[in-house]
PDB file of N, CA and C in Angstrom:
ATOM      1  N   UNK A   1     168.118  54.974 219.466  1.00  0.00           N
ATOM      2  CA  UNK A   1     167.970  56.395 219.682  1.00  0.00           C
ATOM      3  C   UNK A   1     167.316  56.972 218.442  1.00  0.00           C
ATOM      4  N   UNK A   2     166.123  57.536 218.575  1.00  0.00           N
ATOM      5  CA  UNK A   2     165.420  58.095 217.432  1.00  0.00           C
ATOM      6  C   UNK A   2     165.481  59.603 217.428  1.00  0.00           C
ATOM      7  N   UNK A   3     165.335  60.162 216.262  1.00  0.00           N
ATOM      8  CA  UNK A   3     165.340  61.612 216.124  1.00  0.00           C
ATOM      9  C   UNK A   3     164.184  62.181 216.938  1.00  0.00           C
ATOM     10  N   UNK A   4     164.483  63.157 217.764  1.00  0.00           N
ATOM     11  CA  UNK A   4     163.465  63.803 218.572  1.00  0.00           C
ATOM     12  C   UNK A   4     162.995  62.976 219.753  1.00  0.00           C
ATOM     13  N   UNK A   5     163.588  61.812 219.936  1.00  0.00           N
ATOM     14  CA  UNK A   5     163.168  60.949 221.022  1.00  0.00           C
ATOM     15  C   UNK A   5     163.931  61.223 222.289  1.00  0.00           C
ATOM     16  N   UNK A   6     163.423  60.694 223.372  1.00  0.00           N
ATOM     17  CA  UNK A   6     164.102  60.841 224.650  1.00  0.00           C
ATOM     18  C   UNK A   6     164.335  59.467 225.217  1.00  0.00           C
ATOM     19  N   UNK A   7     165.545  59.238 225.667  1.00  0.00           N
ATOM     20  CA  UNK A   7     165.918  57.959 226.245  1.00  0.00           C
ATOM     21  C   UNK A   7     166.474  58.220 227.636  1.00  0.00           C
ATOM     22  N   UNK A   8     165.998  57.506 228.615  1.00  0.00           N
ATOM     23  CA  UNK A   8     166.535  57.631 229.964  1.00  0.00           C
ATOM     24  C   UNK A   8     167.448  56.447 230.229  1.00  0.00           C
ATOM     25  N   UNK A   9     168.646  56.740 230.676  1.00  0.00           N
ATOM     26  CA  UNK A   9     169.627  55.714 230.974  1.00  0.00           C
ATOM     27  C   UNK A   9     170.068  55.914 232.416  1.00  0.00           C
ATOM     28  N   UNK A  10     169.863  54.929 233.228  1.00  0.00           N
ATOM     29  CA  UNK A  10     170.308  55.019 234.613  1.00  0.00           C
ATOM     30  C   UNK A  10     171.556  54.174 234.780  1.00  0.00           C
ATOM     31  N   UNK A  11     172.554  54.765 235.357  1.00  0.00           N
ATOM     32  CA  UNK A  11     173.738  54.009 235.717  1.00  0.00           C
ATOM     33  C   UNK A  11     173.447  53.398 237.068  1.00  0.00           C
ATOM     34  N   UNK A  12     173.390  52.089 237.119  1.00  0.00           N
ATOM     35  CA  UNK A  12     173.066  51.420 238.362  1.00  0.00           C
ATOM     36  C   UNK A  12     174.297  51.370 239.251  1.00  0.00           C
ATOM     37  N   UNK A  13     174.207  52.084 240.342  1.00  0.00           N
ATOM     38  CA  UNK A  13     175.291  52.129 241.309  1.00  0.00           C
ATOM     39  C   UNK A  13     174.641  52.206 242.684  1.00  0.00           C
ATOM     40  N   UNK A  14     175.418  51.959 243.693  1.00  0.00           N
ATOM     41  CA  UNK A  14     174.874  52.132 245.025  1.00  0.00           C
ATOM     42  C   UNK A  14     174.456  53.587 245.187  1.00  0.00           C
ATOM     43  N   UNK A  15     173.340  53.804 245.788  1.00  0.00           N
ATOM     44  CA  UNK A  15     172.791  55.134 246.041  1.00  0.00           C
ATOM     45  C   UNK A  15     172.413  55.874 244.753  1.00  0.00           C
ATOM     46  N   UNK A  16     172.367  55.169 243.610  1.00  0.00           N
ATOM     47  CA  UNK A  16     171.968  55.779 242.337  1.00  0.00           C
ATOM     48  C   UNK A  16     172.519  57.191 242.213  1.00  0.00           C
ATOM     49  N   UNK A  17     173.816  57.318 242.222  1.00  0.00           N
ATOM     50  CA  UNK A  17     174.416  58.644 242.317  1.00  0.00           C
ATOM     51  C   UNK A  17     174.616  59.352 240.986  1.00  0.00           C
ATOM     52  N   UNK A  18     174.333  58.701 239.840  1.00  0.00           N
ATOM     53  CA  UNK A  18     174.504  59.368 238.548  1.00  0.00           C
ATOM     54  C   UNK A  18     173.445  58.876 237.571  1.00  0.00           C
ATOM     55  N   UNK A  19     172.881  59.811 236.838  1.00  0.00           N
ATOM     56  CA  UNK A  19     171.839  59.494 235.862  1.00  0.00           C
ATOM     57  C   UNK A  19     172.072  60.325 234.605  1.00  0.00           C
ATOM     58  N   UNK A  20     171.815  59.711 233.456  1.00  0.00           N
ATOM     59  CA  UNK A  20     171.904  60.402 232.168  1.00  0.00           C
ATOM     60  C   UNK A  20     170.556  60.266 231.473  1.00  0.00           C
ATOM     61  N   UNK A  21     169.997  61.380 231.056  1.00  0.00           N
ATOM     62  CA  UNK A  21     168.812  61.372 230.211  1.00  0.00           C
ATOM     63  C   UNK A  21     169.258  61.929 228.866  1.00  0.00           C
ATOM     64  N   UNK A  22     169.019  61.164 227.812  1.00  0.00           N
ATOM     65  CA  UNK A  22     169.479  61.518 226.473  1.00  0.00           C
ATOM     66  C   UNK A  22     168.299  61.980 225.639  1.00  0.00           C
ATOM     67  N   UNK A  23     168.420  63.146 225.039  1.00  0.00           N
ATOM     68  CA  UNK A  23     167.359  63.712 224.209  1.00  0.00           C
ATOM     69  C   UNK A  23     167.949  64.107 222.856  1.00  0.00           C
ATOM     70  N   UNK A  24     167.696  63.301 221.816  1.00  0.00           N
ATOM     71  CA  UNK A  24     168.206  63.589 220.478  1.00  0.00           C
ATOM     72  C   UNK A  24     167.305  64.622 219.826  1.00  0.00           C
ATOM     73  N   UNK A  25     167.899  65.694 219.328  1.00  0.00           N
ATOM     74  CA  UNK A  25     167.137  66.815 218.802  1.00  0.00           C
ATOM     75  C   UNK A  25     167.074  66.845 217.275  1.00  0.00           C
ATOM     76  N   UNK A  26     167.788  66.004 216.586  1.00  0.00           N
ATOM     77  CA  UNK A  26     167.845  66.074 215.126  1.00  0.00           C
ATOM     78  C   UNK A  26     168.965  67.003 214.693  1.00  0.00           C
ATOM     79  N   UNK A  27     169.198  67.072 213.397  1.00  0.00           N
ATOM     80  CA  UNK A  27     170.271  67.906 212.845  1.00  0.00           C
ATOM     81  C   UNK A  27     171.616  67.613 213.498  1.00  0.00           C
ATOM     82  N   UNK A  28     171.843  66.376 213.898  1.00  0.00           N
ATOM     83  CA  UNK A  28     173.123  66.007 214.482  1.00  0.00           C
ATOM     84  C   UNK A  28     173.346  66.488 215.897  1.00  0.00           C
ATOM     85  N   UNK A  29     172.261  66.812 216.617  1.00  0.00           N
ATOM     86  CA  UNK A  29     172.380  67.353 217.971  1.00  0.00           C
ATOM     87  C   UNK A  29     171.762  66.421 219.013  1.00  0.00           C
ATOM     88  N   UNK A  30     172.357  66.445 220.174  1.00  0.00           N
ATOM     89  CA  UNK A  30     171.826  65.692 221.307  1.00  0.00           C
ATOM     90  C   UNK A  30     172.060  66.505 222.579  1.00  0.00           C
ATOM     91  N   UNK A  31     171.130  66.374 223.514  1.00  0.00           N
ATOM     92  CA  UNK A  31     171.288  66.959 224.841  1.00  0.00           C
ATOM     93  C   UNK A  31     171.349  65.805 225.835  1.00  0.00           C
ATOM     94  N   UNK A  32     172.384  65.814 226.660  1.00  0.00           N
ATOM     95  CA  UNK A  32     172.472  64.877 227.772  1.00  0.00           C
ATOM     96  C   UNK A  32     172.148  65.654 229.037  1.00  0.00           C
ATOM     97  N   UNK A  33     171.092  65.252 229.725  1.00  0.00           N
ATOM     98  CA  UNK A  33     170.741  65.856 231.011  1.00  0.00           C
ATOM     99  C   UNK A  33     171.399  64.976 232.071  1.00  0.00           C
ATOM    100  N   UNK A  34     172.316  65.567 232.808  1.00  0.00           N
ATOM    101  CA  UNK A  34     173.100  64.825 233.792  1.00  0.00           C
ATOM    102  C   UNK A  34     172.628  65.161 235.192  1.00  0.00           C
ATOM    103  N   UNK A  35     172.512  64.120 236.023  1.00  0.00           N
ATOM    104  CA  UNK A  35     172.056  64.312 237.399  1.00  0.00           C
ATOM    105  C   UNK A  35     172.985  63.565 238.354  1.00  0.00           C
ATOM    106  N   UNK A  36     173.325  64.215 239.446  1.00  0.00           N
ATOM    107  CA  UNK A  36     174.089  63.542 240.495  1.00  0.00           C
ATOM    108  C   UNK A  36     175.553  63.916 240.527  1.00  0.00           C
ATOM    109  N   UNK A  37     176.395  62.882 240.704  1.00  0.00           N
ATOM    110  CA  UNK A  37     177.828  63.071 240.902  1.00  0.00           C
ATOM    111  C   UNK A  37     178.608  62.531 239.711  1.00  0.00           C
ATOM    112  N   UNK A  38     179.331  63.414 239.030  1.00  0.00           N
ATOM    113  CA  UNK A  38     180.193  63.012 237.923  1.00  0.00           C
ATOM    114  C   UNK A  38     181.610  62.894 238.473  1.00  0.00           C
ATOM    115  N   UNK A  39     181.963  61.656 238.818  1.00  0.00           N
ATOM    116  CA  UNK A  39     183.241  61.396 239.481  1.00  0.00           C
ATOM    117  C   UNK A  39     183.919  60.188 238.846  1.00  0.00           C
ATOM    118  N   UNK A  40     184.945  59.665 239.482  1.00  0.00           N
ATOM    119  CA  UNK A  40     185.680  58.534 238.909  1.00  0.00           C
ATOM    120  C   UNK A  40     184.787  57.308 238.729  1.00  0.00           C
ATOM    121  N   UNK A  41     183.794  57.144 239.562  1.00  0.00           N
ATOM    122  CA  UNK A  41     182.890  55.995 239.462  1.00  0.00           C
ATOM    123  C   UNK A  41     181.983  56.106 238.244  1.00  0.00           C
ATOM    124  N   UNK A  42     181.490  57.286 237.954  1.00  0.00           N
ATOM    125  CA  UNK A  42     180.527  57.470 236.864  1.00  0.00           C
ATOM    126  C   UNK A  42     181.169  57.927 235.555  1.00  0.00           C
ATOM    127  N   UNK A  43     182.405  58.377 235.577  1.00  0.00           N
ATOM    128  CA  UNK A  43     183.046  58.955 234.388  1.00  0.00           C
ATOM    129  C   UNK A  43     183.187  57.959 233.236  1.00  0.00           C
ATOM    130  N   UNK A  44     183.452  56.706 233.520  1.00  0.00           N
ATOM    131  CA  UNK A  44     183.598  55.720 232.443  1.00  0.00           C
ATOM    132  C   UNK A  44     182.284  55.554 231.674  1.00  0.00           C
ATOM    133  N   UNK A  45     181.190  55.452 232.388  1.00  0.00           N
ATOM    134  CA  UNK A  45     179.875  55.308 231.751  1.00  0.00           C
ATOM    135  C   UNK A  45     179.545  56.570 230.943  1.00  0.00           C
ATOM    136  N   UNK A  46     179.823  57.722 231.506  1.00  0.00           N
ATOM    137  CA  UNK A  46     179.588  58.988 230.828  1.00  0.00           C
ATOM    138  C   UNK A  46     180.430  59.061 229.550  1.00  0.00           C
ATOM    139  N   UNK A  47     181.683  58.677 229.631  1.00  0.00           N
ATOM    140  CA  UNK A  47     182.570  58.664 228.473  1.00  0.00           C
ATOM    141  C   UNK A  47     182.031  57.730 227.398  1.00  0.00           C
ATOM    142  N   UNK A  48     181.563  56.570 227.799  1.00  0.00           N
ATOM    143  CA  UNK A  48     180.982  55.605 226.856  1.00  0.00           C
ATOM    144  C   UNK A  48     179.794  56.218 226.120  1.00  0.00           C
ATOM    145  N   UNK A  49     178.912  56.910 226.826  1.00  0.00           N
ATOM    146  CA  UNK A  49     177.729  57.515 226.201  1.00  0.00           C
ATOM    147  C   UNK A  49     178.126  58.626 225.238  1.00  0.00           C
ATOM    148  N   UNK A  50     179.121  59.435 225.589  1.00  0.00           N
ATOM    149  CA  UNK A  50     179.591  60.482 224.688  1.00  0.00           C
ATOM    150  C   UNK A  50     180.212  59.878 223.429  1.00  0.00           C
ATOM    151  N   UNK A  51     181.054  58.872 223.605  1.00  0.00           N
ATOM    152  CA  UNK A  51     181.692  58.212 222.464  1.00  0.00           C
ATOM    153  C   UNK A  51     180.647  57.576 221.551  1.00  0.00           C
ATOM    154  N   UNK A  52     179.640  56.973 222.134  1.00  0.00           N
ATOM    155  CA  UNK A  52     178.566  56.355 221.357  1.00  0.00           C
ATOM    156  C   UNK A  52     177.846  57.404 220.501  1.00  0.00           C
ATOM    157  N   UNK A  53     177.541  58.550 221.074  1.00  0.00           N
ATOM    158  CA  UNK A  53     176.883  59.631 220.332  1.00  0.00           C
ATOM    159  C   UNK A  53     177.786  60.125 219.202  1.00  0.00           C
ATOM    160  N   UNK A  54     179.064  60.272 219.481  1.00  0.00           N
ATOM    161  CA  UNK A  54     180.034  60.727 218.489  1.00  0.00           C
ATOM    162  C   UNK A  54     180.115  59.743 217.321  1.00  0.00           C
ATOM    163  N   UNK A  55     180.182  58.455 217.635  1.00  0.00           N
ATOM    164  CA  UNK A  55     180.272  57.428 216.600  1.00  0.00           C
ATOM    165  C   UNK A  55     179.000  57.349 215.761  1.00  0.00           C
ATOM    166  N   UNK A  56     177.868  57.742 216.328  1.00  0.00           N
ATOM    167  CA  UNK A  56     176.601  57.770 215.588  1.00  0.00           C
ATOM    168  C   UNK A  56     176.491  59.000 214.692  1.00  0.00           C
ATOM    169  N   UNK A  57     177.510  59.858 214.730  1.00  0.00           N
ATOM    170  CA  UNK A  57     177.535  61.017 213.860  1.00  0.00           C
ATOM    171  C   UNK A  57     176.939  62.285 214.447  1.00  0.00           C
ATOM    172  N   UNK A  58     176.634  62.275 215.726  1.00  0.00           N
ATOM    173  CA  UNK A  58     176.111  63.482 216.358  1.00  0.00           C
ATOM    174  C   UNK A  58     177.260  64.461 216.551  1.00  0.00           C
ATOM    175  N   UNK A  59     177.137  65.635 215.981  1.00  0.00           N
ATOM    176  CA  UNK A  59     178.236  66.613 215.965  1.00  0.00           C
ATOM    177  C   UNK A  59     178.078  67.721 216.993  1.00  0.00           C
ATOM    178  N   UNK A  60     176.890  67.872 217.540  1.00  0.00           N
ATOM    179  CA  UNK A  60     176.648  68.911 218.537  1.00  0.00           C
ATOM    180  C   UNK A  60     176.103  68.254 219.799  1.00  0.00           C
ATOM    181  N   UNK A  61     176.903  68.306 220.842  1.00  0.00           N
ATOM    182  CA  UNK A  61     176.519  67.699 222.112  1.00  0.00           C
ATOM    183  C   UNK A  61     176.408  68.802 223.157  1.00  0.00           C
ATOM    184  N   UNK A  62     175.225  68.891 223.743  1.00  0.00           N
ATOM    185  CA  UNK A  62     174.979  69.845 224.824  1.00  0.00           C
ATOM    186  C   UNK A  62     174.808  69.062 226.119  1.00  0.00           C
ATOM    187  N   UNK A  63     175.475  69.515 227.149  1.00  0.00           N
ATOM    188  CA  UNK A  63     175.388  68.880 228.460  1.00  0.00           C
ATOM    189  C   UNK A  63     174.611  69.793 229.397  1.00  0.00           C
ATOM    190  N   UNK A  64     173.415  69.379 229.768  1.00  0.00           N
ATOM    191  CA  UNK A  64     172.646  70.115 230.767  1.00  0.00           C
ATOM    192  C   UNK A  64     173.144  69.616 232.124  1.00  0.00           C
ATOM    193  N   UNK A  65     173.866  70.478 232.817  1.00  0.00           N
ATOM    194  CA  UNK A  65     174.486  70.083 234.080  1.00  0.00           C
ATOM    195  C   UNK A  65     173.870  70.810 235.278  1.00  0.00           C
ATOM    196  N   UNK A  66     172.608  71.184 235.151  1.00  0.00           N
ATOM    197  CA  UNK A  66     171.933  71.928 236.216  1.00  0.00           C
ATOM    198  C   UNK A  66     171.723  71.089 237.478  1.00  0.00           C
ATOM    199  N   UNK A  67     171.769  69.761 237.333  1.00  0.00           N
ATOM    200  CA  UNK A  67     171.526  68.889 238.479  1.00  0.00           C
ATOM    201  C   UNK A  67     172.766  68.104 238.904  1.00  0.00           C
ATOM    202  N   UNK A  68     173.940  68.593 238.493  1.00  0.00           N
ATOM    203  CA  UNK A  68     175.188  67.959 238.919  1.00  0.00           C
ATOM    204  C   UNK A  68     175.582  68.512 240.287  1.00  0.00           C
ATOM    205  N   UNK A  69     175.789  67.607 241.229  1.00  0.00           N
ATOM    206  CA  UNK A  69     176.124  67.978 242.610  1.00  0.00           C
ATOM    207  C   UNK A  69     177.631  67.970 242.865  1.00  0.00           C
ATOM    208  N   UNK A  70     178.375  67.238 242.028  1.00  0.00           N
ATOM    209  CA  UNK A  70     179.817  67.108 242.212  1.00  0.00           C
ATOM    210  C   UNK A  70     180.452  66.843 240.859  1.00  0.00           C
ATOM    211  N   UNK A  71     181.562  67.515 240.576  1.00  0.00           N
ATOM    212  CA  UNK A  71     182.302  67.329 239.328  1.00  0.00           C
ATOM    213  C   UNK A  71     183.769  67.148 239.668  1.00  0.00           C
ATOM    214  N   UNK A  72     184.300  65.972 239.364  1.00  0.00           N
ATOM    215  CA  UNK A  72     185.707  65.684 239.663  1.00  0.00           C
ATOM    216  C   UNK A  72     186.587  65.991 238.457  1.00  0.00           C
ATOM    217  N   UNK A  73     187.894  65.932 238.677  1.00  0.00           N
ATOM    218  CA  UNK A  73     188.843  66.143 237.578  1.00  0.00           C
ATOM    219  C   UNK A  73     188.688  65.058 236.521  1.00  0.00           C
ATOM    220  N   UNK A  74     188.275  63.873 236.915  1.00  0.00           N
ATOM    221  CA  UNK A  74     188.041  62.799 235.952  1.00  0.00           C
ATOM    222  C   UNK A  74     186.869  63.146 235.044  1.00  0.00           C
ATOM    223  N   UNK A  75     185.828  63.723 235.603  1.00  0.00           N
ATOM    224  CA  UNK A  75     184.693  64.176 234.805  1.00  0.00           C
ATOM    225  C   UNK A  75     185.093  65.278 233.833  1.00  0.00           C
ATOM    226  N   UNK A  76     185.931  66.194 234.298  1.00  0.00           N
ATOM    227  CA  UNK A  76     186.424  67.270 233.432  1.00  0.00           C
ATOM    228  C   UNK A  76     187.240  66.683 232.280  1.00  0.00           C
ATOM    229  N   UNK A  77     188.066  65.691 232.572  1.00  0.00           N
ATOM    230  CA  UNK A  77     188.881  65.048 231.537  1.00  0.00           C
ATOM    231  C   UNK A  77     188.004  64.454 230.436  1.00  0.00           C
ATOM    232  N   UNK A  78     186.926  63.786 230.820  1.00  0.00           N
ATOM    233  CA  UNK A  78     186.010  63.188 229.842  1.00  0.00           C
ATOM    234  C   UNK A  78     185.382  64.275 228.970  1.00  0.00           C
ATOM    235  N   UNK A  79     184.960  65.364 229.589  1.00  0.00           N
ATOM    236  CA  UNK A  79     184.349  66.473 228.854  1.00  0.00           C
ATOM    237  C   UNK A  79     185.355  67.084 227.875  1.00  0.00           C
ATOM    238  N   UNK A  80     186.573  67.332 228.328  1.00  0.00           N
ATOM    239  CA  UNK A  80     187.593  67.934 227.467  1.00  0.00           C
ATOM    240  C   UNK A  80     188.000  67.021 226.310  1.00  0.00           C
ATOM    241  N   UNK A  81     188.063  65.738 226.554  1.00  0.00           N
ATOM    242  CA  UNK A  81     188.395  64.787 225.495  1.00  0.00           C
ATOM    243  C   UNK A  81     187.356  64.861 224.381  1.00  0.00           C
ATOM    244  N   UNK A  82     186.069  64.849 224.747  1.00  0.00           N
ATOM    245  CA  UNK A  82     185.021  64.914 223.733  1.00  0.00           C
ATOM    246  C   UNK A  82     184.969  66.290 223.082  1.00  0.00           C
ATOM    247  N   UNK A  83     185.234  67.330 223.843  1.00  0.00           N
ATOM    248  CA  UNK A  83     185.293  68.687 223.284  1.00  0.00           C
ATOM    249  C   UNK A  83     186.326  68.725 222.151  1.00  0.00           C
ATOM    250  N   UNK A  84     187.495  68.157 222.401  1.00  0.00           N
ATOM    251  CA  UNK A  84     188.573  68.140 221.407  1.00  0.00           C
ATOM    252  C   UNK A  84     188.166  67.329 220.178  1.00  0.00           C
ATOM    253  N   UNK A  85     187.592  66.145 220.385  1.00  0.00           N
ATOM    254  CA  UNK A  85     187.183  65.300 219.267  1.00  0.00           C
ATOM    255  C   UNK A  85     186.149  66.008 218.389  1.00  0.00           C
ATOM    256  N   UNK A  86     185.153  66.615 219.011  1.00  0.00           N
ATOM    257  CA  UNK A  86     184.112  67.291 218.251  1.00  0.00           C
ATOM    258  C   UNK A  86     184.648  68.510 217.513  1.00  0.00           C
ATOM    259  N   UNK A  87     185.490  69.279 218.178  1.00  0.00           N
ATOM    260  CA  UNK A  87     186.065  70.478 217.560  1.00  0.00           C
ATOM    261  C   UNK A  87     186.887  70.114 216.324  1.00  0.00           C
ATOM    262  N   UNK A  88     187.651  69.039 216.422  1.00  0.00           N
ATOM    263  CA  UNK A  88     188.467  68.593 215.282  1.00  0.00           C
ATOM    264  C   UNK A  88     187.619  68.170 214.090  1.00  0.00           C
ATOM    265  N   UNK A  89     186.382  67.749 214.330  1.00  0.00           N
ATOM    266  CA  UNK A  89     185.481  67.301 213.263  1.00  0.00           C
ATOM    267  C   UNK A  89     184.453  68.368 212.881  1.00  0.00           C
ATOM    268  N   UNK A  90     184.652  69.594 213.372  1.00  0.00           N
ATOM    269  CA  UNK A  90     183.733  70.679 213.049  1.00  0.00           C
ATOM    270  C   UNK A  90     182.484  70.708 213.891  1.00  0.00           C
ATOM    271  N   UNK A  91     182.475  69.968 214.983  1.00  0.00           N
ATOM    272  CA  UNK A  91     181.325  69.928 215.881  1.00  0.00           C
ATOM    273  C   UNK A  91     181.522  70.814 217.090  1.00  0.00           C
ATOM    274  N   UNK A  92     180.628  70.650 218.045  1.00  0.00           N
ATOM    275  CA  UNK A  92     180.675  71.498 219.238  1.00  0.00           C
ATOM    276  C   UNK A  92     180.144  70.745 220.454  1.00  0.00           C
ATOM    277  N   UNK A  93     180.815  70.921 221.568  1.00  0.00           N
ATOM    278  CA  UNK A  93     180.323  70.453 222.860  1.00  0.00           C
ATOM    279  C   UNK A  93     180.188  71.677 223.741  1.00  0.00           C
ATOM    280  N   UNK A  94     179.041  71.810 224.383  1.00  0.00           N
ATOM    281  CA  UNK A  94     178.862  72.932 225.307  1.00  0.00           C
ATOM    282  C   UNK A  94     178.058  72.486 226.519  1.00  0.00           C
ATOM    283  N   UNK A  95     178.254  73.225 227.585  1.00  0.00           N
ATOM    284  CA  UNK A  95     177.527  72.979 228.830  1.00  0.00           C
ATOM    285  C   UNK A  95     176.471  74.054 228.960  1.00  0.00           C
ATOM    286  N   UNK A  96     175.246  73.604 229.187  1.00  0.00           N
ATOM    287  CA  UNK A  96     174.160  74.558 229.401  1.00  0.00           C
ATOM    288  C   UNK A  96     173.612  74.386 230.813  1.00  0.00           C
ATOM    289  N   UNK A  97     173.170  75.480 231.372  1.00  0.00           N
ATOM    290  CA  UNK A  97     172.582  75.498 232.712  1.00  0.00           C
ATOM    291  C   UNK A  97     173.464  74.802 233.761  1.00  0.00           C
ATOM    292  N   UNK A  98     174.716  75.215 233.902  1.00  0.00           N
ATOM    293  CA  UNK A  98     175.584  74.574 234.893  1.00  0.00           C
ATOM    294  C   UNK A  98     175.126  74.878 236.323  1.00  0.00           C
ATOM    295  N   UNK A  99     175.218  73.891 237.180  1.00  0.00           N
ATOM    296  CA  UNK A  99     174.928  74.103 238.596  1.00  0.00           C
ATOM    297  C   UNK A  99     176.011  74.985 239.197  1.00  0.00           C
ATOM    298  N   UNK A 100     175.800  75.478 240.401  1.00  0.00           N
ATOM    299  CA  UNK A 100     176.822  76.295 241.079  1.00  0.00           C
ATOM    300  C   UNK A 100     178.123  75.518 241.236  1.00  0.00           C
ATOM    301  N   UNK A 101     178.001  74.237 241.562  1.00  0.00           N
ATOM    302  CA  UNK A 101     179.188  73.380 241.695  1.00  0.00           C
ATOM    303  C   UNK A 101     179.976  73.363 240.391  1.00  0.00           C
ATOM    304  N   UNK A 102     179.285  73.139 239.276  1.00  0.00           N
ATOM    305  CA  UNK A 102     179.940  73.073 237.968  1.00  0.00           C
ATOM    306  C   UNK A 102     180.570  74.419 237.619  1.00  0.00           C
ATOM    307  N   UNK A 103     179.848  75.505 237.857  1.00  0.00           N
ATOM    308  CA  UNK A 103     180.398  76.842 237.600  1.00  0.00           C
ATOM    309  C   UNK A 103     181.680  77.063 238.390  1.00  0.00           C
ATOM    310  N   UNK A 104     181.660  76.701 239.662  1.00  0.00           N
ATOM    311  CA  UNK A 104     182.832  76.905 240.523  1.00  0.00           C
ATOM    312  C   UNK A 104     184.031  76.079 240.063  1.00  0.00           C
ATOM    313  N   UNK A 105     183.802  74.798 239.787  1.00  0.00           N
ATOM    314  CA  UNK A 105     184.898  73.911 239.392  1.00  0.00           C
ATOM    315  C   UNK A 105     185.479  74.343 238.049  1.00  0.00           C
ATOM    316  N   UNK A 106     184.612  74.630 237.076  1.00  0.00           N
ATOM    317  CA  UNK A 106     185.105  75.052 235.766  1.00  0.00           C
ATOM    318  C   UNK A 106     185.777  76.420 235.835  1.00  0.00           C
ATOM    319  N   UNK A 107     185.279  77.272 236.695  1.00  0.00           N
ATOM    320  CA  UNK A 107     185.905  78.585 236.897  1.00  0.00           C
ATOM    321  C   UNK A 107     187.312  78.452 237.456  1.00  0.00           C
ATOM    322  N   UNK A 108     187.479  77.578 238.453  1.00  0.00           N
ATOM    323  CA  UNK A 108     188.804  77.366 239.040  1.00  0.00           C
ATOM    324  C   UNK A 108     189.775  76.740 238.046  1.00  0.00           C
ATOM    325  N   UNK A 109     189.242  75.938 237.124  1.00  0.00           N
ATOM    326  CA  UNK A 109     190.081  75.287 236.115  1.00  0.00           C
ATOM    327  C   UNK A 109     190.257  76.145 234.861  1.00  0.00           C
ATOM    328  N   UNK A 110     189.712  77.372 234.893  1.00  0.00           N
ATOM    329  CA  UNK A 110     189.787  78.307 233.754  1.00  0.00           C
ATOM    330  C   UNK A 110     189.179  77.716 232.485  1.00  0.00           C
ATOM    331  N   UNK A 111     188.081  76.942 232.636  1.00  0.00           N
ATOM    332  CA  UNK A 111     187.415  76.309 231.500  1.00  0.00           C
ATOM    333  C   UNK A 111     185.992  76.823 231.286  1.00  0.00           C
ATOM    334  N   UNK A 112     185.507  77.636 232.204  1.00  0.00           N
ATOM    335  CA  UNK A 112     184.118  78.081 232.148  1.00  0.00           C
ATOM    336  C   UNK A 112     183.805  78.821 230.855  1.00  0.00           C
ATOM    337  N   UNK A 113     184.632  79.770 230.462  1.00  0.00           N
ATOM    338  CA  UNK A 113     184.374  80.548 229.253  1.00  0.00           C
ATOM    339  C   UNK A 113     184.398  79.679 227.992  1.00  0.00           C
ATOM    340  N   UNK A 114     185.228  78.669 227.996  1.00  0.00           N
ATOM    341  CA  UNK A 114     185.354  77.790 226.829  1.00  0.00           C
ATOM    342  C   UNK A 114     184.168  76.835 226.695  1.00  0.00           C
ATOM    343  N   UNK A 115     183.654  76.348 227.825  1.00  0.00           N
ATOM    344  CA  UNK A 115     182.666  75.262 227.773  1.00  0.00           C
ATOM    345  C   UNK A 115     181.221  75.670 228.022  1.00  0.00           C
ATOM    346  N   UNK A 116     181.004  76.716 228.818  1.00  0.00           N
ATOM    347  CA  UNK A 116     179.635  77.062 229.206  1.00  0.00           C
ATOM    348  C   UNK A 116     178.988  77.908 228.129  1.00  0.00           C
ATOM    349  N   UNK A 117     177.802  77.484 227.729  1.00  0.00           N
ATOM    350  CA  UNK A 117     177.032  78.136 226.686  1.00  0.00           C
ATOM    351  C   UNK A 117     176.407  79.413 227.202  1.00  0.00           C
TER     352      UNK A 117
END
């Protein structure tokens, strides 16, 4: 992963239901563009990618969720876990451009104000 570079990572699953595009911005920031369904099947891979970015010292993680069609409680758990880790280290995790699905789910969970940029 290079500064200012873009890396596309496809999670190979039946029906290709989840995709992550990683764009490192420099200054300890990265944007993950998420596409598809963030559910129990894809949450482990998503968690791995977030942990990898955290271990590389990236302190600001932005999640572009404009193309997320489904967000499960497992996906929310992964997001909240990384939010807590980053906050404890002086970093930040935020969601930008949430899809209607993401807005609705986070709104019902009373997390929208905390997570959405």
